[in-house]
Amino acid sequence: MITAVALDVRALALGVFDAIDAHPWIGTQLARAAGQSLTLRVFEHLGRQAQALGVPHTAQFTAASTLLDYILGVGGQNAANARGHQPDTNRTEFLNTASAAWAHLDPDEYSFTRNVADQLRDHDDRTEFLAGIDLVLTGITTHQRPTEPTPP
């Protein structure tokens, strides 16, 4: 079940992701300006959401930093990928070519990559980004639960 806090984090993350996607240069600027106003506001918002999730005080910095790093990292990587290709590059053709290349890698050295090659071809960047946010949020909330005592 997705909580209101998780929906709020997802909305903020997707807003930053979309802004970086529309303006690829902004990701680099945000990453360089961690103490600047916009990045600091995003960090503040993520920190408040960590508090709302019940993250202990000693882990709140790590939780907010991890979310911020994921958001800026994935957004920046997608922007770098967009800048690295010609404007007329066809995404479907590019991913089909990359997927075929992955499928033909050495099976001993790249067994995992070969196994997921078909997923590369069909993936959606925004969907994968949100799945990553959900994975990080699940880790944050699961990590904060008290552990059950180990039976003797």
N, C-alpha and C. Protein backbone atom coordinates (compact mmCIF):
# COMPACT_ATOMS: atom_id res chain seq x y z
N MET A 1 0.84 -1.18 0.00
CA MET A 1 0.00 0.00 0.00
C MET A 1 0.89 1.25 0.00
N ILE A 2 0.56 2.18 -0.84
CA ILE A 2 1.32 3.42 -0.91
C ILE A 2 0.67 4.43 0.03
N THR A 3 1.47 4.96 0.96
CA THR A 3 0.97 5.92 1.92
C THR A 3 0.95 7.32 1.33
N ALA A 4 0.29 8.24 2.04
CA ALA A 4 0.26 9.64 1.61
C ALA A 4 1.67 10.22 1.57
N VAL A 5 2.51 9.83 2.52
CA VAL A 5 3.89 10.31 2.54
C VAL A 5 4.63 9.82 1.31
N ALA A 6 4.46 8.54 0.98
CA ALA A 6 5.12 7.98 -0.20
C ALA A 6 4.62 8.68 -1.46
N LEU A 7 3.34 8.97 -1.54
CA LEU A 7 2.80 9.68 -2.70
C LEU A 7 3.40 11.07 -2.81
N ASP A 8 3.59 11.72 -1.67
CA ASP A 8 4.20 13.05 -1.66
C ASP A 8 5.65 12.99 -2.15
N VAL A 9 6.40 12.01 -1.67
CA VAL A 9 7.80 11.83 -2.11
C VAL A 9 7.83 11.52 -3.60
N ARG A 10 6.94 10.64 -4.06
CA ARG A 10 6.89 10.28 -5.48
C ARG A 10 6.58 11.51 -6.33
N ALA A 11 5.64 12.35 -5.89
CA ALA A 11 5.28 13.55 -6.66
C ALA A 11 6.46 14.51 -6.75
N LEU A 12 7.14 14.73 -5.63
CA LEU A 12 8.32 15.60 -5.65
C LEU A 12 9.41 15.02 -6.55
N ALA A 13 9.67 13.74 -6.39
CA ALA A 13 10.72 13.08 -7.17
C ALA A 13 10.40 13.17 -8.67
N LEU A 14 9.17 12.90 -9.02
CA LEU A 14 8.78 12.94 -10.43
C LEU A 14 8.84 14.37 -10.97
N GLY A 15 8.51 15.36 -10.15
CA GLY A 15 8.63 16.75 -10.57
C GLY A 15 10.06 17.12 -10.90
N VAL A 16 11.00 16.69 -10.04
CA VAL A 16 12.43 16.95 -10.29
C VAL A 16 12.88 16.17 -11.52
N PHE A 17 12.48 14.90 -11.62
CA PHE A 17 12.84 14.06 -12.76
C PHE A 17 12.38 14.70 -14.07
N ASP A 18 11.12 15.16 -14.09
CA ASP A 18 10.58 15.78 -15.30
C ASP A 18 11.27 17.09 -15.63
N ALA A 19 11.62 17.87 -14.60
CA ALA A 19 12.33 19.14 -14.83
C ALA A 19 13.70 18.87 -15.45
N ILE A 20 14.39 17.86 -14.94
CA ILE A 20 15.71 17.51 -15.48
C ILE A 20 15.56 16.96 -16.90
N ASP A 21 14.51 16.18 -17.14
CA ASP A 21 14.27 15.63 -18.47
C ASP A 21 14.00 16.76 -19.47
N ALA A 22 13.24 17.76 -19.07
CA ALA A 22 12.92 18.87 -19.96
C ALA A 22 14.10 19.83 -20.15
N HIS A 23 14.93 19.94 -19.12
CA HIS A 23 16.08 20.85 -19.14
C HIS A 23 17.31 20.08 -18.66
N PRO A 24 17.93 19.27 -19.52
CA PRO A 24 19.01 18.37 -19.11
C PRO A 24 20.17 19.03 -18.36
N TRP A 25 20.43 20.28 -18.58
CA TRP A 25 21.52 20.97 -17.90
C TRP A 25 21.25 21.18 -16.42
N ILE A 26 20.00 21.15 -16.02
CA ILE A 26 19.66 21.47 -14.63
C ILE A 26 20.15 20.41 -13.64
N GLY A 27 20.22 19.15 -14.07
CA GLY A 27 20.67 18.09 -13.17
C GLY A 27 22.07 18.32 -12.66
N THR A 28 22.96 18.72 -13.56
CA THR A 28 24.34 18.99 -13.17
C THR A 28 24.39 20.17 -12.21
N GLN A 29 23.60 21.19 -12.49
CA GLN A 29 23.57 22.37 -11.63
C GLN A 29 23.05 22.03 -10.23
N LEU A 30 22.01 21.22 -10.17
CA LEU A 30 21.46 20.83 -8.86
C LEU A 30 22.46 20.00 -8.06
N ALA A 31 23.14 19.08 -8.73
CA ALA A 31 24.12 18.23 -8.04
C ALA A 31 25.29 19.04 -7.52
N ARG A 32 25.71 20.06 -8.27
CA ARG A 32 26.83 20.90 -7.84
C ARG A 32 26.45 21.85 -6.73
N ALA A 33 25.17 22.18 -6.64
CA ALA A 33 24.72 23.24 -5.73
C ALA A 33 23.94 22.67 -4.56
N ALA A 34 24.51 21.65 -3.90
CA ALA A 34 23.78 20.99 -2.82
C ALA A 34 23.38 21.93 -1.69
N GLY A 35 24.11 22.99 -1.48
CA GLY A 35 23.77 23.93 -0.42
C GLY A 35 22.95 25.10 -0.91
N GLN A 36 22.59 25.10 -2.19
CA GLN A 36 21.83 26.21 -2.76
C GLN A 36 20.34 26.03 -2.49
N SER A 37 19.61 27.06 -2.75
CA SER A 37 18.21 27.15 -2.40
C SER A 37 17.33 26.01 -2.90
N LEU A 38 17.34 25.73 -4.20
CA LEU A 38 16.43 24.72 -4.74
C LEU A 38 16.77 23.33 -4.22
N THR A 39 18.02 22.95 -4.29
CA THR A 39 18.42 21.64 -3.80
C THR A 39 18.17 21.52 -2.30
N LEU A 40 18.44 22.59 -1.58
CA LEU A 40 18.20 22.60 -0.14
C LEU A 40 16.71 22.45 0.17
N ARG A 41 15.86 23.08 -0.65
CA ARG A 41 14.40 22.94 -0.46
C ARG A 41 13.95 21.50 -0.70
N VAL A 42 14.49 20.88 -1.74
CA VAL A 42 14.15 19.48 -2.01
C VAL A 42 14.61 18.61 -0.85
N PHE A 43 15.83 18.84 -0.37
CA PHE A 43 16.36 18.08 0.77
C PHE A 43 15.48 18.28 2.00
N GLU A 44 15.07 19.51 2.25
CA GLU A 44 14.20 19.82 3.40
C GLU A 44 12.89 19.04 3.29
N HIS A 45 12.30 19.06 2.12
CA HIS A 45 11.03 18.35 1.92
C HIS A 45 11.20 16.85 2.13
N LEU A 46 12.26 16.29 1.58
CA LEU A 46 12.51 14.86 1.76
C LEU A 46 12.77 14.52 3.22
N GLY A 47 13.49 15.40 3.92
CA GLY A 47 13.73 15.18 5.34
C GLY A 47 12.45 15.20 6.16
N ARG A 48 11.56 16.11 5.83
CA ARG A 48 10.27 16.16 6.54
C ARG A 48 9.46 14.90 6.28
N GLN A 49 9.57 14.37 5.07
CA GLN A 49 8.86 13.13 4.76
C GLN A 49 9.48 11.96 5.52
N ALA A 50 10.80 11.97 5.67
CA ALA A 50 11.46 10.94 6.48
C ALA A 50 10.96 11.00 7.92
N GLN A 51 10.82 12.20 8.43
CA GLN A 51 10.28 12.37 9.78
C GLN A 51 8.85 11.81 9.85
N ALA A 52 8.03 12.13 8.85
CA ALA A 52 6.64 11.67 8.82
C ALA A 52 6.55 10.15 8.73
N LEU A 53 7.56 9.53 8.14
CA LEU A 53 7.60 8.07 8.05
C LEU A 53 8.02 7.42 9.36
N GLY A 54 8.41 8.25 10.33
CA GLY A 54 8.84 7.72 11.63
C GLY A 54 10.29 7.29 11.66
N VAL A 55 11.08 7.76 10.71
CA VAL A 55 12.50 7.42 10.70
C VAL A 55 13.15 8.03 11.94
N PRO A 56 13.90 7.24 12.70
CA PRO A 56 14.56 7.79 13.89
C PRO A 56 15.49 8.96 13.52
N HIS A 57 15.62 9.88 14.43
CA HIS A 57 16.41 11.09 14.19
C HIS A 57 17.81 10.76 13.66
N THR A 58 18.43 9.75 14.21
CA THR A 58 19.80 9.40 13.81
C THR A 58 19.91 8.88 12.39
N ALA A 59 18.78 8.50 11.77
CA ALA A 59 18.79 7.98 10.40
C ALA A 59 18.13 8.92 9.40
N GLN A 60 17.60 10.05 9.86
CA GLN A 60 16.88 10.95 8.96
C GLN A 60 17.78 11.57 7.90
N PHE A 61 18.99 11.98 8.28
CA PHE A 61 19.91 12.56 7.30
C PHE A 61 20.20 11.55 6.20
N THR A 62 20.47 10.31 6.60
CA THR A 62 20.78 9.26 5.62
C THR A 62 19.58 9.00 4.71
N ALA A 63 18.39 8.94 5.27
CA ALA A 63 17.19 8.67 4.48
C ALA A 63 16.96 9.78 3.45
N ALA A 64 17.01 11.03 3.91
CA ALA A 64 16.79 12.16 3.00
C ALA A 64 17.90 12.25 1.95
N SER A 65 19.14 12.03 2.37
CA SER A 65 20.27 12.09 1.44
C SER A 65 20.18 11.00 0.39
N THR A 66 19.78 9.80 0.79
CA THR A 66 19.65 8.69 -0.14
C THR A 66 18.59 8.99 -1.19
N LEU A 67 17.46 9.50 -0.76
CA LEU A 67 16.41 9.87 -1.71
C LEU A 67 16.89 10.97 -2.66
N LEU A 68 17.53 12.00 -2.11
CA LEU A 68 18.02 13.09 -2.95
C LEU A 68 19.06 12.58 -3.94
N ASP A 69 19.98 11.76 -3.47
CA ASP A 69 21.01 11.22 -4.36
C ASP A 69 20.40 10.38 -5.48
N TYR A 70 19.40 9.57 -5.15
CA TYR A 70 18.74 8.76 -6.16
C TYR A 70 18.05 9.65 -7.19
N ILE A 71 17.29 10.63 -6.72
CA ILE A 71 16.55 11.53 -7.62
C ILE A 71 17.50 12.26 -8.56
N LEU A 72 18.54 12.88 -7.98
CA LEU A 72 19.48 13.64 -8.82
C LEU A 72 20.33 12.71 -9.69
N GLY A 73 20.69 11.57 -9.15
CA GLY A 73 21.53 10.64 -9.91
C GLY A 73 20.82 10.06 -11.12
N VAL A 74 19.62 9.56 -10.93
CA VAL A 74 18.88 8.98 -12.06
C VAL A 74 18.46 10.07 -13.04
N GLY A 75 17.97 11.19 -12.50
CA GLY A 75 17.61 12.29 -13.39
C GLY A 75 18.80 12.77 -14.20
N GLY A 76 19.94 12.92 -13.54
CA GLY A 76 21.15 13.36 -14.22
C GLY A 76 21.64 12.35 -15.24
N GLN A 77 21.54 11.07 -14.92
CA GLN A 77 21.97 10.02 -15.86
C GLN A 77 21.09 10.03 -17.11
N ASN A 78 19.78 10.18 -16.92
CA ASN A 78 18.89 10.25 -18.08
C ASN A 78 19.19 11.48 -18.92
N ALA A 79 19.48 12.59 -18.27
CA ALA A 79 19.83 13.81 -19.00
C ALA A 79 21.13 13.62 -19.77
N ALA A 80 22.11 12.98 -19.15
CA ALA A 80 23.38 12.72 -19.83
C ALA A 80 23.16 11.80 -21.03
N ASN A 81 22.30 10.80 -20.88
CA ASN A 81 21.98 9.92 -22.00
C ASN A 81 21.35 10.70 -23.14
N ALA A 82 20.44 11.61 -22.80
CA ALA A 82 19.78 12.42 -23.84
C ALA A 82 20.77 13.32 -24.55
N ARG A 83 21.69 13.91 -23.80
CA ARG A 83 22.69 14.80 -24.41
C ARG A 83 23.70 14.03 -25.24
N GLY A 84 23.89 12.76 -24.94
CA GLY A 84 24.90 11.96 -25.62
C GLY A 84 24.45 11.42 -26.97
N HIS A 85 23.22 11.67 -27.34
CA HIS A 85 22.70 11.16 -28.60
C HIS A 85 22.25 12.32 -29.49
N GLN A 86 22.23 12.05 -30.78
CA GLN A 86 21.75 13.03 -31.74
C GLN A 86 20.27 13.30 -31.48
N PRO A 87 19.81 14.53 -31.70
CA PRO A 87 18.40 14.87 -31.45
C PRO A 87 17.41 14.00 -32.22
N ASP A 88 17.81 13.47 -33.36
CA ASP A 88 16.89 12.66 -34.16
C ASP A 88 17.00 11.16 -33.86
N THR A 89 17.68 10.80 -32.76
CA THR A 89 17.82 9.39 -32.40
C THR A 89 16.45 8.82 -32.05
N ASN A 90 16.13 7.68 -32.63
CA ASN A 90 14.88 7.01 -32.34
C ASN A 90 15.08 6.11 -31.13
N ARG A 91 14.36 6.37 -30.07
CA ARG A 91 14.52 5.64 -28.82
C ARG A 91 14.30 4.14 -29.00
N THR A 92 13.26 3.78 -29.72
CA THR A 92 12.96 2.36 -29.92
C THR A 92 14.09 1.65 -30.64
N GLU A 93 14.57 2.26 -31.70
CA GLU A 93 15.68 1.66 -32.44
C GLU A 93 16.94 1.57 -31.58
N PHE A 94 17.22 2.64 -30.83
CA PHE A 94 18.40 2.65 -29.97
C PHE A 94 18.32 1.53 -28.93
N LEU A 95 17.18 1.41 -28.26
CA LEU A 95 17.03 0.38 -27.23
C LEU A 95 17.03 -1.03 -27.83
N ASN A 96 16.45 -1.18 -29.01
CA ASN A 96 16.50 -2.49 -29.68
C ASN A 96 17.94 -2.89 -29.99
N THR A 97 18.74 -1.93 -30.47
CA THR A 97 20.15 -2.20 -30.78
C THR A 97 20.93 -2.54 -29.51
N ALA A 98 20.72 -1.74 -28.46
CA ALA A 98 21.42 -1.99 -27.19
C ALA A 98 21.00 -3.33 -26.60
N SER A 99 19.72 -3.62 -26.65
CA SER A 99 19.22 -4.88 -26.11
C SER A 99 19.81 -6.07 -26.86
N ALA A 100 19.89 -5.97 -28.17
CA ALA A 100 20.49 -7.05 -28.96
C ALA A 100 21.96 -7.21 -28.62
N ALA A 101 22.66 -6.10 -28.40
CA ALA A 101 24.08 -6.18 -28.03
C ALA A 101 24.22 -6.86 -26.67
N TRP A 102 23.36 -6.52 -25.73
CA TRP A 102 23.41 -7.16 -24.41
C TRP A 102 23.15 -8.66 -24.53
N ALA A 103 22.19 -9.02 -25.35
CA ALA A 103 21.82 -10.43 -25.50
C ALA A 103 22.96 -11.26 -26.07
N HIS A 104 23.91 -10.63 -26.74
CA HIS A 104 25.03 -11.35 -27.35
C HIS A 104 26.34 -11.23 -26.57
N LEU A 105 26.27 -10.69 -25.37
CA LEU A 105 27.48 -10.60 -24.54
C LEU A 105 27.91 -12.00 -24.11
N ASP A 106 29.15 -12.09 -23.67
CA ASP A 106 29.70 -13.37 -23.20
C ASP A 106 28.83 -13.89 -22.04
N PRO A 107 28.28 -15.10 -22.18
CA PRO A 107 27.37 -15.62 -21.15
C PRO A 107 28.01 -15.87 -19.79
N ASP A 108 29.31 -16.09 -19.75
CA ASP A 108 29.98 -16.32 -18.47
C ASP A 108 30.24 -15.00 -17.74
N GLU A 109 30.61 -13.98 -18.48
CA GLU A 109 30.92 -12.69 -17.85
C GLU A 109 29.69 -11.84 -17.60
N TYR A 110 28.65 -12.02 -18.39
CA TYR A 110 27.49 -11.14 -18.32
C TYR A 110 26.18 -11.92 -18.26
N SER A 111 26.11 -12.93 -17.41
CA SER A 111 24.90 -13.76 -17.36
C SER A 111 23.68 -12.94 -16.93
N PHE A 112 23.83 -12.05 -15.96
CA PHE A 112 22.69 -11.24 -15.53
C PHE A 112 22.25 -10.27 -16.63
N THR A 113 23.21 -9.55 -17.19
CA THR A 113 22.89 -8.55 -18.22
C THR A 113 22.19 -9.20 -19.41
N ARG A 114 22.67 -10.36 -19.82
CA ARG A 114 22.02 -11.09 -20.93
C ARG A 114 20.60 -11.47 -20.54
N ASN A 115 20.40 -11.85 -19.29
CA ASN A 115 19.10 -12.30 -18.82
C ASN A 115 18.06 -11.18 -18.82
N VAL A 116 18.47 -9.93 -18.65
CA VAL A 116 17.52 -8.81 -18.60
C VAL A 116 17.54 -7.95 -19.87
N ALA A 117 18.22 -8.41 -20.89
CA ALA A 117 18.34 -7.63 -22.13
C ALA A 117 16.98 -7.26 -22.71
N ASP A 118 16.02 -8.17 -22.65
CA ASP A 118 14.70 -7.88 -23.20
C ASP A 118 14.00 -6.79 -22.39
N GLN A 119 14.30 -6.67 -21.10
CA GLN A 119 13.69 -5.63 -20.28
C GLN A 119 14.24 -4.25 -20.63
N LEU A 120 15.48 -4.18 -21.04
CA LEU A 120 16.06 -2.91 -21.50
C LEU A 120 15.27 -2.39 -22.69
N ARG A 121 14.99 -3.25 -23.62
CA ARG A 121 14.31 -2.87 -24.86
C ARG A 121 12.94 -2.25 -24.57
N ASP A 122 12.23 -2.78 -23.60
CA ASP A 122 10.84 -2.39 -23.38
C ASP A 122 10.62 -1.46 -22.18
N HIS A 123 11.67 -1.04 -21.52
CA HIS A 123 11.48 -0.27 -20.29
C HIS A 123 11.05 1.18 -20.55
N ASP A 124 10.40 1.74 -19.54
CA ASP A 124 10.00 3.15 -19.56
C ASP A 124 10.78 3.84 -18.45
N ASP A 125 11.51 4.91 -18.79
CA ASP A 125 12.37 5.57 -17.81
C ASP A 125 11.60 6.07 -16.59
N ARG A 126 10.46 6.70 -16.80
CA ARG A 126 9.68 7.25 -15.68
C ARG A 126 9.16 6.13 -14.78
N THR A 127 8.67 5.06 -15.38
CA THR A 127 8.17 3.93 -14.60
C THR A 127 9.29 3.31 -13.77
N GLU A 128 10.46 3.12 -14.39
CA GLU A 128 11.60 2.56 -13.67
C GLU A 128 12.05 3.51 -12.55
N PHE A 129 12.03 4.80 -12.82
CA PHE A 129 12.42 5.79 -11.81
C PHE A 129 11.49 5.69 -10.60
N LEU A 130 10.19 5.65 -10.83
CA LEU A 130 9.24 5.56 -9.72
C LEU A 130 9.36 4.22 -8.99
N ALA A 131 9.65 3.15 -9.71
CA ALA A 131 9.87 1.86 -9.06
C ALA A 131 11.09 1.94 -8.14
N GLY A 132 12.11 2.66 -8.58
CA GLY A 132 13.29 2.86 -7.73
C GLY A 132 12.97 3.68 -6.49
N ILE A 133 12.17 4.72 -6.63
CA ILE A 133 11.74 5.52 -5.47
C ILE A 133 11.01 4.62 -4.49
N ASP A 134 10.09 3.80 -5.01
CA ASP A 134 9.35 2.88 -4.14
C ASP A 134 10.28 1.90 -3.43
N LEU A 135 11.29 1.43 -4.14
CA LEU A 135 12.25 0.51 -3.55
C LEU A 135 13.04 1.19 -2.43
N VAL A 136 13.48 2.42 -2.67
CA VAL A 136 14.21 3.17 -1.63
C VAL A 136 13.29 3.42 -0.43
N LEU A 137 12.05 3.84 -0.68
CA LEU A 137 11.12 4.09 0.43
C LEU A 137 10.83 2.82 1.22
N THR A 138 10.69 1.70 0.52
CA THR A 138 10.48 0.43 1.21
C THR A 138 11.68 0.10 2.08
N GLY A 139 12.87 0.31 1.56
CA GLY A 139 14.08 0.07 2.35
C GLY A 139 14.15 0.97 3.57
N ILE A 140 13.80 2.23 3.39
CA ILE A 140 13.84 3.18 4.51
C ILE A 140 12.85 2.75 5.58
N THR A 141 11.64 2.43 5.20
CA THR A 141 10.63 2.08 6.20
C THR A 141 10.88 0.71 6.81
N THR A 142 11.36 -0.24 6.02
CA THR A 142 11.65 -1.57 6.54
C THR A 142 12.85 -1.53 7.49
N HIS A 143 13.84 -0.76 7.14
CA HIS A 143 15.05 -0.64 7.96
C HIS A 143 14.74 -0.06 9.34
N GLN A 144 13.68 0.70 9.44
CA GLN A 144 13.35 1.37 10.69
C GLN A 144 12.52 0.49 11.64
N ARG A 145 11.98 -0.61 11.14
CA ARG A 145 11.18 -1.47 12.00
C ARG A 145 12.06 -2.17 13.02
N PRO A 146 11.54 -2.29 14.24
CA PRO A 146 12.32 -3.04 15.23
C PRO A 146 12.48 -4.49 14.79
N THR A 147 13.62 -5.04 15.06
CA THR A 147 13.86 -6.44 14.69
C THR A 147 13.29 -7.36 15.75
N GLU A 148 12.82 -8.48 15.30
CA GLU A 148 12.29 -9.49 16.22
C GLU A 148 13.46 -10.18 16.93
N PRO A 149 13.29 -10.45 18.21
CA PRO A 149 14.37 -11.16 18.91
C PRO A 149 14.57 -12.55 18.30
N THR A 150 15.81 -12.96 18.22
CA THR A 150 16.15 -14.25 17.68
C THR A 150 15.87 -15.31 18.75
N PRO A 151 15.10 -16.35 18.36
CA PRO A 151 14.83 -17.40 19.36
C PRO A 151 16.12 -18.11 19.77
N PRO A 152 16.15 -18.57 21.03
CA PRO A 152 17.36 -19.25 21.52
C PRO A 152 17.66 -20.54 20.83
